[in-house]
Each structure stands twice: as structure tokens, then as C-alpha cells.
């Protein structure tokens, strides 16, 4: 059986957290649209080459909805990005409405105001991390602290809660629901999704009585003006924002630290010029960082020929952003972490009409994190090896449970 004819089982085995499975490179070269079996046991197509992934991201013949949802292939047993969402007949209109509703939340004005808040949060988290390190050293300890627990995990939660209008006191509950929804736990993940829906409905009613300058208040106001915009869509939008704005940013912070710690010349260069180099570092983290081992799920809305195969109407397609961003035909020395590379145009934030609406927010958070760490902790280093990290293999976005560092 040829590689193109074989059906491969996801996820593929990867050597460590910052490298992806070698099979992706083989598929890019020999079968850029390959038949696979998802972790849920269903058939799908896997797109691995940059040209096809980028094309499919912008192709309106593919969507998140399915013509017959009950027959759709499932990606996983998590409760986010697990299967079809939205209405097949109205997906395009719903997407247009979603972008219109959410664009004000990510306006330049709100991002400028939020950037100061983000920097204050980062400074506070780093202060606490330094205090724990110093206390450990003073007590005769090794000075090892968990950067994941101190910074990478709490920051995106605090920011997305602020943006959505979730009370600060609900942050831990909100974070726990997010984690449960994104874990391959079957019924518990679905139960968490239901619980999240109830929580969001209650929060929306509170905002209806006392609106603020936040996304939930914006959506409640939109509901008052459009009777077709119900709670189901409101919850779906909030789940999407929570997942994109929290889980993926948590992992990009962790992966960015790992890339910089394992490429000391790049870390030293950033420490020498935090403000001048941080933006290039962020883009390379977004290109090379590979959270999770799967990809973005889409369904064909009609028969489509691409990459030498015919994708039938209703077929599931997994777009491997990880593999596309490491395409050697697009990026020189594609596996190398190089913020100085001349090639841009990665698809870490997507492409086309579904380009990540929160890209500016993610960049704001990552900029504050890496510039602050480089400025304040130039001697930062990993306290354990890559192969010793506790990886979240049961989670849709992967990443680590802890990130021990010292300086």
C-alpha cells in the first residue's frame, strides 16, 4: 500500500513538545491531503502542506457546520473543536454577524486600554514568581519556580475574563470549566460545556440589568436588537473566544519559553534588546509553536478536488497548522527557531475570512510576557529537560502542566 493510499491514525507520535512528528514532513511531500482516522475513531482528511492549508482556510466551500450533523466525523471526545457547530443553512450569515458583533471588542481603542492592564498583570505575576524564587533560595532551596502556574496559566485567564466581563471572583471556576471542556474526557467534557452554557446565560442576564464595557454586554445588546440571536449562539461565541483567547495563549507562552530556553543565542539577543526584538520573536513563536497534535476541523459543503484527491460533500478535513508552518518549500530551515528569518506569512492565526479576530490581543499578551521576562530575568533557564516535562496528552491544545525554571 502506498503512503497516499494508507489511512493513518491520529495523533502521530512526536519526539518532544517543541518538535512535531516526522510523519508530517513525509505526508507534506508525498500525500499533502491524506486519509486519516481521528482520535474519536472516525475517517477524515488531513491537510499538511502550506499551500493547501492556506487555500482551505479561505475556501468558502468548507465550514464548521455539516449538512447532516448526526453523520459527521468527530475529531475527539473533548467538547470544543470536536465536531460540527452552527447551522449548515445559515453558517455564512452567522459568521458575518459574529465578526460584526465581536469587532468592537478588539478595536484599537480597547486594545490600547487593555495593553496597560496586561502589563500590570504580567508585572504582578512576575513579582510573585521572583518572590517565591527568592524565598526558596533564602531557605536553602534550589530556587525553582513554576512559570506555568505563576504566569503562563493565570495571565490569559485574567485577560479573557476582563474582555468578556466575567467577574474576577469567578476566574478559577471559569478556568476549571475551560480545562474540562478541552480535555478528552467524553461525558465530563460535555457536562462542562452544558454547565458553561448555564453560567454564561446567567451572566448575560446580569449584564442585561447592569451592562458594562465588555463583550457579554455587547452581545446582550445585540440580542435586544435581533430576535434571531439566541443564547445558543451567544454561548457558542463565548466558548470560541474562551478557547482561542485562553487555552491557545497559555500554550504559546509555554512553548515560546521552551524555544527561547533551548536556543540560548536567541534568548540572549532578546535580553539585550527586549523592545526591539520582541515582535519578531512573537511571530516566530506563532509560526513554530505547535500546541496540540491535531488541527482545525472543517467539513466540505460540496465535492472539492484538491491536492490530487476528491473531498466529498460532508467529509471532515483537519487542517494541520503545525505542519503547514514548517513547510520547507515556504520557510527556509523551517524547523529552526529563527526570529530573524525573512519569510513571514505564517498561518498561526489562520487566514482569510476566519483569520483570528483576537490576533491583536494575543500579540499584546505575548509581547508583555516575553519583553518583561527578558528585561527582568535575563538569566532565566529551564530547571529540567524537555523529556522530563509533564505534557497534557489528554488535552485538545496539549502543552504542559508545569514549567519549572530558575535563574
Protein backbone atom coordinates (compact mmCIF):
# COMPACT_ATOMS: atom_id res chain seq x y z
CA UNK A 1 0.00 0.00 0.00
CA UNK A 2 1.34 3.45 -0.92
CA UNK A 3 1.63 6.26 1.60
CA UNK A 4 -1.14 8.18 -0.18
CA UNK A 5 -3.48 5.17 -0.02
CA UNK A 6 -2.79 4.33 3.62
CA UNK A 7 -5.08 5.58 6.39
CA UNK A 8 -3.01 6.94 9.28
CA UNK A 9 -4.22 7.16 12.87
CA UNK A 10 -4.06 10.48 14.71
CA UNK A 11 -2.38 11.66 16.83
CA UNK A 12 1.08 10.92 15.43
CA UNK A 13 3.90 10.25 17.86
CA UNK A 14 6.10 13.32 18.32
CA UNK A 15 9.64 13.28 19.74
CA UNK A 16 9.08 16.10 22.22
CA UNK A 17 6.95 19.16 22.90
CA UNK A 18 8.70 21.57 20.52
CA UNK A 19 9.10 19.20 17.56
CA UNK A 20 6.24 17.64 15.63
CA UNK A 21 6.00 14.07 14.35
CA UNK A 22 8.40 13.31 11.44
CA UNK A 23 5.48 11.74 9.55
CA UNK A 24 4.12 15.24 8.84
CA UNK A 25 7.14 16.04 6.66
CA UNK A 26 6.69 12.79 4.73
CA UNK A 27 2.99 13.48 4.18
CA UNK A 28 3.67 17.06 3.07
CA UNK A 29 5.98 15.71 0.40
CA UNK A 30 4.12 12.58 -0.73
CA UNK A 31 0.45 12.91 0.31
CA UNK A 32 -0.45 16.54 1.22
CA UNK A 33 -4.12 15.53 1.52
CA UNK A 34 -4.05 12.16 3.30
CA UNK A 35 -6.71 9.83 4.68
CA UNK A 36 -6.59 9.57 8.48
CA UNK A 37 -8.57 8.22 11.40
CA UNK A 38 -9.32 10.76 14.13
CA UNK A 39 -8.76 10.06 17.84
CA UNK A 40 -12.55 9.62 18.02
CA UNK A 41 -12.22 6.74 15.53
CA UNK A 42 -13.82 8.50 12.54
CA UNK A 43 -12.49 8.96 8.97
CA UNK A 44 -11.14 12.34 7.86
CA UNK A 45 -8.70 14.00 5.50
CA UNK A 46 -5.51 15.62 6.81
CA UNK A 47 -4.02 18.64 5.01
CA UNK A 48 -0.34 19.19 5.78
CA UNK A 49 1.18 21.34 3.01
CA UNK A 50 1.19 25.13 3.39
CA UNK A 51 -0.42 25.84 0.01
CA UNK A 52 -3.39 23.54 0.59
CA UNK A 53 -3.88 24.54 4.25
CA UNK A 54 -3.85 28.23 3.37
CA UNK A 55 -6.22 27.65 0.45
CA UNK A 56 -8.64 25.61 2.54
CA UNK A 57 -8.66 28.20 5.33
CA UNK A 58 -10.07 30.73 2.88
CA UNK A 59 -12.27 28.38 0.83
CA UNK A 60 -15.95 29.13 1.37
CA UNK A 61 -16.84 25.59 0.26
CA UNK A 62 -15.67 24.41 3.69
CA UNK A 63 -17.17 25.31 7.04
CA UNK A 64 -17.59 24.34 10.66
CA UNK A 65 -21.17 23.14 10.07
CA UNK A 66 -22.23 19.86 8.46
CA UNK A 67 -25.16 19.09 6.14
CA UNK A 68 -26.09 16.08 8.32
CA UNK A 69 -24.57 16.71 11.78
CA UNK A 70 -25.57 13.33 13.17
CA UNK A 71 -23.44 11.65 10.47
CA UNK A 72 -20.42 13.94 10.81
CA UNK A 73 -17.00 12.58 11.69
CA UNK A 74 -15.86 13.64 15.16
CA UNK A 75 -12.36 14.84 15.94
CA UNK A 76 -12.12 13.92 19.61
CA UNK A 77 -14.01 13.31 22.86
CA UNK A 78 -13.44 16.86 24.09
CA UNK A 79 -16.29 19.40 23.98
CA UNK A 80 -14.54 22.05 21.85
CA UNK A 81 -13.47 21.58 18.22
CA UNK A 82 -14.83 18.05 18.50
CA UNK A 83 -17.43 18.09 15.74
CA UNK A 84 -19.73 20.33 13.68
CA UNK A 85 -21.03 23.62 15.07
CA UNK A 86 -23.54 26.09 13.76
CA UNK A 87 -26.35 25.71 11.26
CA UNK A 88 -25.46 24.41 7.80
CA UNK A 89 -28.03 26.60 6.06
CA UNK A 90 -27.07 29.82 7.84
CA UNK A 91 -23.38 29.42 8.71
CA UNK A 92 -22.18 32.18 6.37
CA UNK A 93 -24.70 34.68 7.75
CA UNK A 94 -23.90 33.65 11.34
CA UNK A 95 -20.18 34.12 10.72
CA UNK A 96 -20.73 37.58 9.24
CA UNK A 97 -22.86 38.53 12.27
CA UNK A 98 -20.26 37.14 14.65
CA UNK A 99 -17.46 39.20 13.12
CA UNK A 100 -19.64 42.31 13.20
CA UNK A 101 -20.55 41.76 16.85
CA UNK A 102 -17.05 41.00 18.04
CA UNK A 103 -15.03 43.52 16.03
CA UNK A 104 -15.70 46.36 18.55
CA UNK A 105 -14.33 44.18 21.36
CA UNK A 106 -10.97 44.05 19.60
CA UNK A 107 -10.92 47.68 18.43
CA UNK A 108 -7.70 49.68 18.60
CA UNK A 109 -9.19 51.71 21.46
CA UNK A 110 -9.97 48.66 23.61
CA UNK A 111 -6.61 47.04 22.80
CA UNK A 112 -4.74 50.21 23.85
CA UNK A 113 -6.66 50.34 27.10
CA UNK A 114 -6.20 46.63 27.70
CA UNK A 115 -2.45 46.68 26.98
CA UNK A 116 -1.80 48.70 30.14
CA UNK A 117 -3.86 46.24 32.15
CA UNK A 118 -1.99 43.30 30.61
CA UNK A 119 1.37 44.84 31.52
CA UNK A 120 0.20 45.40 35.11
CA UNK A 121 -0.88 41.77 35.32
CA UNK A 122 2.41 40.49 33.92
CA UNK A 123 4.42 42.66 36.31
CA UNK A 124 2.39 41.37 39.25
CA UNK A 125 2.75 37.73 38.25
CA UNK A 126 6.49 38.09 37.70
CA UNK A 127 6.83 39.88 41.06
CA UNK A 128 5.18 36.91 42.77
CA UNK A 129 7.36 34.45 40.88
CA UNK A 130 10.53 36.32 41.87
CA UNK A 131 9.37 36.44 45.49
CA UNK A 132 8.85 32.65 45.55
CA UNK A 133 12.25 32.11 43.93
CA UNK A 134 14.00 34.37 46.46
CA UNK A 135 12.18 32.75 49.38
CA UNK A 136 13.30 29.32 48.17
CA UNK A 137 16.92 30.43 47.88
CA UNK A 138 16.82 32.13 51.28
CA UNK A 139 15.55 28.90 52.82
CA UNK A 140 18.40 26.94 51.25
CA UNK A 141 16.32 25.61 48.38
CA UNK A 142 17.08 25.39 44.67
CA UNK A 143 15.10 28.47 43.66
CA UNK A 144 12.98 26.51 41.19
CA UNK A 145 9.56 28.02 40.44
CA UNK A 146 6.74 27.02 38.10
CA UNK A 147 6.42 29.58 35.30
CA UNK A 148 3.29 27.84 34.04
CA UNK A 149 1.43 28.26 37.34
CA UNK A 150 2.84 31.73 38.03
CA UNK A 151 2.42 33.34 34.60
CA UNK A 152 1.52 31.28 31.52
CA UNK A 153 -1.68 29.87 33.01
CA UNK A 154 -3.22 32.75 35.01
CA UNK A 155 -2.49 35.63 32.61
CA UNK A 156 -4.68 34.60 29.64
CA UNK A 157 -7.49 33.64 32.02
CA UNK A 158 -7.42 37.06 33.69
CA UNK A 159 -7.30 38.84 30.33
CA UNK A 160 -10.14 36.89 28.69
CA UNK A 161 -12.27 37.30 31.82
CA UNK A 162 -11.68 41.05 31.68
CA UNK A 163 -12.56 41.16 27.99
CA UNK A 164 -15.72 39.08 28.35
CA UNK A 165 -16.83 40.77 31.56
CA UNK A 166 -16.51 37.72 33.82
CA UNK A 167 -16.23 38.76 37.48
CA UNK A 168 -12.70 38.34 38.81
CA UNK A 169 -14.05 36.18 41.65
CA UNK A 170 -15.30 33.63 39.07
CA UNK A 171 -11.87 33.28 37.43
CA UNK A 172 -10.94 29.92 38.97
CA UNK A 173 -14.37 28.43 38.21
CA UNK A 174 -14.22 29.77 34.67
CA UNK A 175 -10.73 28.31 34.18
CA UNK A 176 -11.78 24.91 35.52
CA UNK A 177 -14.72 24.73 33.11
CA UNK A 178 -12.44 25.63 30.20
CA UNK A 179 -9.97 22.90 31.14
CA UNK A 180 -12.72 20.27 31.46
CA UNK A 181 -14.26 21.18 28.09
CA UNK A 182 -10.90 20.84 26.33
CA UNK A 183 -9.95 17.50 27.90
CA UNK A 184 -10.55 14.19 26.13
CA UNK A 185 -12.93 13.08 28.85
CA UNK A 186 -16.13 12.31 26.94
CA UNK A 187 -19.20 12.90 29.08
CA UNK A 188 -17.45 15.07 31.65
CA UNK A 189 -16.31 17.43 28.87
CA UNK A 190 -19.88 17.61 27.56
CA UNK A 191 -21.22 18.19 31.08
CA UNK A 192 -18.75 21.06 31.49
CA UNK A 193 -19.98 22.56 28.22
CA UNK A 194 -23.58 22.43 29.47
CA UNK A 195 -22.54 23.97 32.79
CA UNK A 196 -20.63 26.68 30.93
CA UNK A 197 -23.77 27.46 28.92
CA UNK A 198 -25.83 27.87 32.08
CA UNK A 199 -23.18 30.11 33.61
CA UNK A 200 -23.00 32.31 30.51
CA UNK A 201 -26.78 32.62 30.33
CA UNK A 202 -26.86 33.78 33.96
CA UNK A 203 -24.01 36.23 33.35
CA UNK A 204 -25.81 37.60 30.30
CA UNK A 205 -28.93 38.26 32.37
CA UNK A 206 -26.81 40.12 34.93
CA UNK A 207 -25.32 42.23 32.13
CA UNK A 208 -28.77 42.92 30.77
CA UNK A 209 -29.66 44.54 34.09
CA UNK A 210 -26.30 46.24 34.54
CA UNK A 211 -24.28 46.42 31.29
CA UNK A 212 -20.57 47.18 31.20
CA UNK A 213 -17.96 47.83 28.53
CA UNK A 214 -17.28 44.19 27.74
CA UNK A 215 -18.09 41.51 25.19
CA UNK A 216 -21.01 39.91 27.08
CA UNK A 217 -22.69 43.32 27.39
CA UNK A 218 -22.15 43.90 23.67
CA UNK A 219 -23.76 40.55 22.85
CA UNK A 220 -26.71 41.15 25.17
CA UNK A 221 -27.31 44.48 23.50
CA UNK A 222 -27.19 42.74 20.11
CA UNK A 223 -29.78 40.23 21.31
CA UNK A 224 -32.14 43.08 22.16
CA UNK A 225 -31.86 44.30 18.56
CA UNK A 226 -32.03 40.91 16.82
CA UNK A 227 -34.54 38.32 17.98
CA UNK A 228 -32.85 35.60 15.88
CA UNK A 229 -29.69 35.89 18.01
CA UNK A 230 -30.36 33.43 20.83
CA UNK A 231 -28.47 32.06 23.81
CA UNK A 232 -27.19 29.05 21.89
CA UNK A 233 -25.24 31.27 19.50
CA UNK A 234 -24.15 33.57 22.34
CA UNK A 235 -22.73 30.60 24.25
CA UNK A 236 -21.03 29.28 21.09
CA UNK A 237 -19.34 32.63 20.55
CA UNK A 238 -18.19 32.75 24.17
CA UNK A 239 -16.83 29.20 24.03
CA UNK A 240 -14.90 30.13 20.89
CA UNK A 241 -13.48 33.26 22.50
CA UNK A 242 -12.62 31.40 25.68
CA UNK A 243 -10.85 28.61 23.83
CA UNK A 244 -8.99 30.84 21.35
CA UNK A 245 -8.26 33.57 23.86
CA UNK A 246 -7.22 31.40 26.78
CA UNK A 247 -6.06 27.86 26.01
CA UNK A 248 -4.01 28.64 22.91
CA UNK A 249 -2.31 31.64 24.51
CA UNK A 250 -1.39 29.62 27.60
CA UNK A 251 0.41 27.15 25.38
CA UNK A 252 2.06 29.75 23.16
CA UNK A 253 3.62 31.32 26.27
CA UNK A 254 4.92 27.95 27.44
CA UNK A 255 6.18 26.92 24.00
CA UNK A 256 7.80 30.32 23.48
CA UNK A 257 9.72 29.95 26.73
CA UNK A 258 10.85 26.47 25.68
CA UNK A 259 12.04 27.66 22.27
CA UNK A 260 13.98 30.53 23.82
CA UNK A 261 15.45 28.42 26.60
CA UNK A 262 16.65 25.79 24.11
CA UNK A 263 18.05 28.46 21.76
CA UNK A 264 20.15 30.48 24.19
CA UNK A 265 21.59 32.75 21.49
CA UNK A 266 18.06 33.91 20.67
CA UNK A 267 17.22 34.38 24.35
CA UNK A 268 20.41 36.40 24.92
CA UNK A 269 19.65 38.56 21.88
CA UNK A 270 16.15 39.24 23.22
CA UNK A 271 17.53 40.06 26.69
CA UNK A 272 19.96 42.54 25.09
CA UNK A 273 17.14 44.31 23.19
CA UNK A 274 13.69 43.33 24.53
CA UNK A 275 11.69 46.10 22.88
CA UNK A 276 13.50 45.88 19.54
CA UNK A 277 13.31 42.10 19.12
CA UNK A 278 10.13 41.03 20.87
CA UNK A 279 7.78 41.38 17.90
CA UNK A 280 9.95 39.16 15.68
CA UNK A 281 10.20 36.61 18.49
CA UNK A 282 6.41 36.55 18.86
CA UNK A 283 5.86 35.89 15.14
CA UNK A 284 8.36 33.02 15.22
CA UNK A 285 6.67 31.56 18.30
CA UNK A 286 3.34 31.77 16.46
CA UNK A 287 4.86 30.07 13.40
CA UNK A 288 6.80 27.30 15.08
CA UNK A 289 4.80 26.80 18.26
CA UNK A 290 2.68 23.68 17.85
CA UNK A 291 0.01 23.41 20.54
CA UNK A 292 -1.81 20.11 20.38
CA UNK A 293 -1.27 17.31 17.88
CA UNK A 294 -4.37 17.71 15.73
CA UNK A 295 -5.52 20.78 13.79
CA UNK A 296 -8.52 22.84 12.75
CA UNK A 297 -11.64 20.87 11.81
CA UNK A 298 -13.67 21.73 8.71
CA UNK A 299 -16.39 19.98 6.68
CA UNK A 300 -16.81 20.06 2.90
CA UNK A 301 -20.08 21.69 1.84
CA UNK A 302 -19.72 20.31 -1.70
CA UNK A 303 -17.39 17.95 -3.57
CA UNK A 304 -13.94 19.54 -3.90
CA UNK A 305 -10.85 18.39 -5.78
CA UNK A 306 -7.60 19.47 -4.14
CA UNK A 307 -4.12 18.04 -3.69
CA UNK A 308 -4.83 15.15 -6.03
CA UNK A 309 -7.87 13.83 -4.16
CA UNK A 310 -11.62 14.42 -4.21
CA UNK A 311 -13.08 15.50 -0.88
CA UNK A 312 -16.76 14.57 -0.89
CA UNK A 313 -19.55 16.73 0.49
CA UNK A 314 -19.75 16.15 4.25
CA UNK A 315 -16.20 14.81 4.59
CA UNK A 316 -14.16 16.07 7.54
CA UNK A 317 -10.87 17.82 6.86
CA UNK A 318 -8.24 18.52 9.50
CA UNK A 319 -6.00 21.46 8.66
CA UNK A 320 -2.60 20.92 10.27
CA UNK A 321 -1.41 24.43 11.07
CA UNK A 322 1.62 22.84 12.75
CA UNK A 323 2.74 21.05 9.58
CA UNK A 324 1.91 23.95 7.25
CA UNK A 325 4.03 26.40 9.23
CA UNK A 326 7.02 24.04 8.91
CA UNK A 327 6.75 23.61 5.14
CA UNK A 328 10.31 23.66 3.75
CA UNK A 329 9.03 24.96 0.41
CA UNK A 330 7.83 28.13 2.14
CA UNK A 331 10.20 28.64 5.08
CA UNK A 332 13.96 28.22 4.83
CA UNK A 333 15.38 25.98 7.58
CA UNK A 334 11.73 25.54 8.54
CA UNK A 335 12.39 23.55 11.72
CA UNK A 336 14.78 26.18 13.09
CA UNK A 337 13.62 28.81 15.58
CA UNK A 338 14.83 31.98 13.84
CA UNK A 339 13.11 35.31 14.62
CA UNK A 340 15.37 36.98 12.04
CA UNK A 341 14.04 34.96 9.11
CA UNK A 342 12.89 36.94 6.10
CA UNK A 343 9.82 34.77 5.39
CA UNK A 344 6.60 35.90 7.00
CA UNK A 345 3.01 34.97 6.32
CA UNK A 346 2.59 32.01 8.71
CA UNK A 347 -0.91 30.67 9.32
CA UNK A 348 -0.62 30.56 13.11
CA UNK A 349 -3.55 32.98 13.28
CA UNK A 350 -5.38 31.39 10.38
CA UNK A 351 -6.08 33.07 7.04
CA UNK A 352 -8.88 34.64 5.06
CA UNK A 353 -12.37 35.30 6.47
CA UNK A 354 -11.59 33.19 9.55
CA UNK A 355 -8.34 34.99 10.42
CA UNK A 356 -8.21 35.06 14.22
CA UNK A 357 -10.18 38.08 15.41
CA UNK A 358 -8.15 38.05 18.63
CA UNK A 359 -4.71 38.14 16.97
CA UNK A 360 -4.02 41.64 18.28
CA UNK A 361 -4.94 40.55 21.80
CA UNK A 362 -2.67 37.51 21.64
CA UNK A 363 0.20 39.65 20.39
CA UNK A 364 -0.42 42.14 23.20
CA UNK A 365 -0.17 39.40 25.82
CA UNK A 366 2.85 37.68 24.28
CA UNK A 367 4.66 40.99 23.84
CA UNK A 368 4.22 41.87 27.50
CA UNK A 369 5.27 38.40 28.66
CA UNK A 370 8.46 37.94 26.64
CA UNK A 371 9.72 41.54 26.85
CA UNK A 372 9.18 41.57 30.62
CA UNK A 373 10.85 38.19 31.19
CA UNK A 374 13.82 39.16 29.03
CA UNK A 375 14.19 42.53 30.77
CA UNK A 376 13.79 41.32 34.34
CA UNK A 377 15.15 37.76 34.25
CA UNK A 378 17.97 37.62 31.67
CA UNK A 379 19.48 34.56 33.43
CA UNK A 380 16.23 32.59 33.19
CA UNK A 381 16.74 28.89 32.37
CA UNK A 382 14.87 25.59 32.45
CA UNK A 383 15.25 23.57 35.63
CA UNK A 384 14.53 20.22 33.91
CA UNK A 385 15.00 18.75 30.44
CA UNK A 386 12.44 18.65 27.64
CA UNK A 387 11.89 14.94 28.14
CA UNK A 388 11.05 15.50 31.81
CA UNK A 389 8.16 17.91 31.21
CA UNK A 390 4.67 16.85 32.30
CA UNK A 391 2.79 17.09 28.98
CA UNK A 392 -1.01 17.32 28.76
CA UNK A 393 -1.52 14.49 26.26
CA UNK A 394 -5.24 14.27 27.16
CA UNK A 395 -5.95 17.87 26.17
CA UNK A 396 -7.03 19.35 22.82
CA UNK A 397 -4.30 22.02 22.91
CA UNK A 398 -1.61 19.92 24.57
CA UNK A 399 1.01 21.96 26.40
CA UNK A 400 2.41 21.34 29.86
CA UNK A 401 1.04 21.06 33.38
CA UNK A 402 4.12 22.73 34.84
CA UNK A 403 7.17 24.59 33.58
CA UNK A 404 9.97 24.54 36.21
CA UNK A 405 12.50 27.36 35.77
CA UNK A 406 15.17 29.13 37.78
CA UNK A 407 17.80 31.85 37.30
